[in-house]
């Protein structure tokens, strides 16, 4: 894979991991569901 293809693949995987894949360690939530200030809007 080229560096650009590798970066795009990683970004897709990371989004899936954080937003769509439930984690048993946090009661089946996704990391994005668990963290309430993901975007940093509430400092």
PDB file of N, CA and C in Angstrom:
ATOM      1  N   UNK A   1       0.833  -1.200   0.000  1.00  0.00           N
ATOM      2  CA  UNK A   1       0.000   0.000   0.000  1.00  0.00           C
ATOM      3  C   UNK A   1       0.870   1.253   0.000  1.00  0.00           C
ATOM      4  N   UNK A   2       0.361   2.268  -0.644  1.00  0.00           N
ATOM      5  CA  UNK A   2       1.046   3.559  -0.585  1.00  0.00           C
ATOM      6  C   UNK A   2       0.772   4.199   0.771  1.00  0.00           C
ATOM      7  N   UNK A   3       1.530   5.214   1.102  1.00  0.00           N
ATOM      8  CA  UNK A   3       1.294   5.915   2.369  1.00  0.00           C
ATOM      9  C   UNK A   3      -0.108   6.507   2.417  1.00  0.00           C
ATOM     10  N   UNK A   4      -0.584   7.060   1.310  1.00  0.00           N
ATOM     11  CA  UNK A   4      -1.928   7.652   1.270  1.00  0.00           C
ATOM     12  C   UNK A   4      -2.994   6.580   1.469  1.00  0.00           C
ATOM     13  N   UNK A   5      -2.832   5.445   0.819  1.00  0.00           N
ATOM     14  CA  UNK A   5      -3.793   4.352   0.973  1.00  0.00           C
ATOM     15  C   UNK A   5      -3.773   3.814   2.399  1.00  0.00           C
ATOM     16  N   UNK A   6      -2.596   3.695   2.969  1.00  0.00           N
ATOM     17  CA  UNK A   6      -2.463   3.217   4.349  1.00  0.00           C
ATOM     18  C   UNK A   6      -3.144   4.182   5.316  1.00  0.00           C
ATOM     19  N   UNK A   7      -2.956   5.472   5.122  1.00  0.00           N
ATOM     20  CA  UNK A   7      -3.573   6.477   5.992  1.00  0.00           C
ATOM     21  C   UNK A   7      -5.092   6.440   5.868  1.00  0.00           C
ATOM     22  N   UNK A   8      -5.602   6.291   4.657  1.00  0.00           N
ATOM     23  CA  UNK A   8      -7.052   6.230   4.452  1.00  0.00           C
ATOM     24  C   UNK A   8      -7.638   4.978   5.091  1.00  0.00           C
ATOM     25  N   UNK A   9      -6.957   3.864   4.941  1.00  0.00           N
ATOM     26  CA  UNK A   9      -7.420   2.615   5.548  1.00  0.00           C
ATOM     27  C   UNK A   9      -7.424   2.725   7.067  1.00  0.00           C
ATOM     28  N   UNK A  10      -6.394   3.311   7.630  1.00  0.00           N
ATOM     29  CA  UNK A  10      -6.314   3.487   9.079  1.00  0.00           C
ATOM     30  C   UNK A  10      -7.432   4.396   9.573  1.00  0.00           C
ATOM     31  N   UNK A  11      -7.696   5.485   8.872  1.00  0.00           N
ATOM     32  CA  UNK A  11      -8.759   6.411   9.281  1.00  0.00           C
ATOM     33  C   UNK A  11     -10.109   5.704   9.285  1.00  0.00           C
ATOM     34  N   UNK A  12     -10.368   4.884   8.283  1.00  0.00           N
ATOM     35  CA  UNK A  12     -11.624   4.128   8.215  1.00  0.00           C
ATOM     36  C   UNK A  12     -11.718   3.148   9.378  1.00  0.00           C
ATOM     37  N   UNK A  13     -10.647   2.410   9.633  1.00  0.00           N
ATOM     38  CA  UNK A  13     -10.630   1.446  10.732  1.00  0.00           C
ATOM     39  C   UNK A  13     -10.833   2.151  12.077  1.00  0.00           C
ATOM     40  N   UNK A  14     -10.142   3.268  12.281  1.00  0.00           N
ATOM     41  CA  UNK A  14     -10.233   3.987  13.545  1.00  0.00           C
ATOM     42  C   UNK A  14     -11.647   4.506  13.786  1.00  0.00           C
ATOM     43  N   UNK A  15     -12.296   5.012  12.749  1.00  0.00           N
ATOM     44  CA  UNK A  15     -13.677   5.477  12.885  1.00  0.00           C
ATOM     45  C   UNK A  15     -14.578   4.310  13.291  1.00  0.00           C
ATOM     46  N   UNK A  16     -14.432   3.169  12.624  1.00  0.00           N
ATOM     47  CA  UNK A  16     -15.239   1.995  12.966  1.00  0.00           C
ATOM     48  C   UNK A  16     -14.985   1.569  14.415  1.00  0.00           C
ATOM     49  N   UNK A  17     -13.740   1.514  14.808  1.00  0.00           N
ATOM     50  CA  UNK A  17     -13.366   1.084  16.155  1.00  0.00           C
ATOM     51  C   UNK A  17     -13.972   1.991  17.218  1.00  0.00           C
ATOM     52  N   UNK A  18     -13.960   3.292  16.988  1.00  0.00           N
ATOM     53  CA  UNK A  18     -14.423   4.242  17.995  1.00  0.00           C
ATOM     54  C   UNK A  18     -15.915   4.542  17.951  1.00  0.00           C
ATOM     55  N   UNK A  19     -16.565   4.329  16.813  1.00  0.00           N
ATOM     56  CA  UNK A  19     -17.958   4.750  16.674  1.00  0.00           C
ATOM     57  C   UNK A  19     -18.942   3.616  16.428  1.00  0.00           C
ATOM     58  N   UNK A  20     -18.489   2.434  16.023  1.00  0.00           N
ATOM     59  CA  UNK A  20     -19.423   1.374  15.653  1.00  0.00           C
ATOM     60  C   UNK A  20     -19.180   0.044  16.365  1.00  0.00           C
ATOM     61  N   UNK A  21     -18.021  -0.190  16.897  1.00  0.00           N
ATOM     62  CA  UNK A  21     -17.685  -1.479  17.501  1.00  0.00           C
ATOM     63  C   UNK A  21     -17.909  -1.423  19.005  1.00  0.00           C
ATOM     64  N   UNK A  22     -18.878  -2.205  19.517  1.00  0.00           N
ATOM     65  CA  UNK A  22     -19.089  -2.219  20.965  1.00  0.00           C
ATOM     66  C   UNK A  22     -17.919  -2.892  21.685  1.00  0.00           C
ATOM     67  N   UNK A  23     -17.590  -2.371  22.852  1.00  0.00           N
ATOM     68  CA  UNK A  23     -16.481  -2.888  23.649  1.00  0.00           C
ATOM     69  C   UNK A  23     -17.030  -3.492  24.936  1.00  0.00           C
ATOM     70  N   UNK A  24     -16.651  -4.724  25.218  1.00  0.00           N
ATOM     71  CA  UNK A  24     -17.157  -5.392  26.413  1.00  0.00           C
ATOM     72  C   UNK A  24     -16.663  -4.735  27.695  1.00  0.00           C
ATOM     73  N   UNK A  25     -15.508  -4.118  27.665  1.00  0.00           N
ATOM     74  CA  UNK A  25     -14.945  -3.483  28.857  1.00  0.00           C
ATOM     75  C   UNK A  25     -15.702  -2.250  29.317  1.00  0.00           C
ATOM     76  N   UNK A  26     -16.539  -1.703  28.442  1.00  0.00           N
ATOM     77  CA  UNK A  26     -17.341  -0.526  28.819  1.00  0.00           C
ATOM     78  C   UNK A  26     -18.823  -0.815  28.570  1.00  0.00           C
ATOM     79  N   UNK A  27     -19.220  -2.022  28.973  1.00  0.00           N
ATOM     80  CA  UNK A  27     -20.623  -2.457  28.948  1.00  0.00           C
ATOM     81  C   UNK A  27     -21.269  -2.386  27.570  1.00  0.00           C
ATOM     82  N   UNK A  28     -20.537  -2.727  26.543  1.00  0.00           N
ATOM     83  CA  UNK A  28     -21.093  -2.787  25.199  1.00  0.00           C
ATOM     84  C   UNK A  28     -21.209  -1.454  24.487  1.00  0.00           C
ATOM     85  N   UNK A  29     -20.738  -0.387  25.123  1.00  0.00           N
ATOM     86  CA  UNK A  29     -20.752   0.920  24.474  1.00  0.00           C
ATOM     87  C   UNK A  29     -19.584   1.031  23.508  1.00  0.00           C
ATOM     88  N   UNK A  30     -19.681   1.973  22.606  1.00  0.00           N
ATOM     89  CA  UNK A  30     -18.523   2.302  21.782  1.00  0.00           C
ATOM     90  C   UNK A  30     -17.729   3.361  22.536  1.00  0.00           C
ATOM     91  N   UNK A  31     -16.447   3.511  22.252  1.00  0.00           N
ATOM     92  CA  UNK A  31     -15.686   4.566  22.922  1.00  0.00           C
ATOM     93  C   UNK A  31     -16.313   5.947  22.728  1.00  0.00           C
ATOM     94  N   UNK A  32     -16.855   6.218  21.549  1.00  0.00           N
ATOM     95  CA  UNK A  32     -17.482   7.520  21.302  1.00  0.00           C
ATOM     96  C   UNK A  32     -18.719   7.715  22.171  1.00  0.00           C
ATOM     97  N   UNK A  33     -19.444   6.634  22.473  1.00  0.00           N
ATOM     98  CA  UNK A  33     -20.598   6.730  23.369  1.00  0.00           C
ATOM     99  C   UNK A  33     -20.156   6.962  24.806  1.00  0.00           C
ATOM    100  N   UNK A  34     -19.034   6.432  25.160  1.00  0.00           N
ATOM    101  CA  UNK A  34     -18.545   6.498  26.543  1.00  0.00           C
ATOM    102  C   UNK A  34     -17.948   7.860  26.883  1.00  0.00           C
ATOM    103  N   UNK A  35     -17.267   8.467  25.933  1.00  0.00           N
ATOM    104  CA  UNK A  35     -16.616   9.758  26.172  1.00  0.00           C
ATOM    105  C   UNK A  35     -17.596  10.859  25.800  1.00  0.00           C
ATOM    106  N   UNK A  36     -17.901  11.719  26.755  1.00  0.00           N
ATOM    107  CA  UNK A  36     -18.933  12.723  26.540  1.00  0.00           C
ATOM    108  C   UNK A  36     -18.419  13.992  25.878  1.00  0.00           C
ATOM    109  N   UNK A  37     -17.126  14.223  25.872  1.00  0.00           N
ATOM    110  CA  UNK A  37     -16.574  15.456  25.318  1.00  0.00           C
ATOM    111  C   UNK A  37     -15.602  15.146  24.177  1.00  0.00           C
ATOM    112  N   UNK A  38     -16.042  14.328  23.239  1.00  0.00           N
ATOM    113  CA  UNK A  38     -15.174  13.889  22.151  1.00  0.00           C
ATOM    114  C   UNK A  38     -14.667  15.063  21.327  1.00  0.00           C
ATOM    115  N   UNK A  39     -15.520  16.023  21.044  1.00  0.00           N
ATOM    116  CA  UNK A  39     -15.131  17.125  20.166  1.00  0.00           C
ATOM    117  C   UNK A  39     -14.398  18.231  20.892  1.00  0.00           C
ATOM    118  N   UNK A  40     -14.318  18.178  22.214  1.00  0.00           N
ATOM    119  CA  UNK A  40     -13.615  19.205  22.968  1.00  0.00           C
ATOM    120  C   UNK A  40     -14.389  20.498  23.120  1.00  0.00           C
ATOM    121  N   UNK A  41     -15.696  20.440  22.953  1.00  0.00           N
ATOM    122  CA  UNK A  41     -16.517  21.649  23.033  1.00  0.00           C
ATOM    123  C   UNK A  41     -16.755  22.133  24.452  1.00  0.00           C
ATOM    124  N   UNK A  42     -16.567  21.276  25.423  1.00  0.00           N
ATOM    125  CA  UNK A  42     -16.918  21.630  26.802  1.00  0.00           C
ATOM    126  C   UNK A  42     -15.683  21.651  27.683  1.00  0.00           C
ATOM    127  N   UNK A  43     -14.825  22.597  27.478  1.00  0.00           N
ATOM    128  CA  UNK A  43     -13.580  22.681  28.257  1.00  0.00           C
ATOM    129  C   UNK A  43     -13.812  23.276  29.616  1.00  0.00           C
TER     130      UNK A  43
END
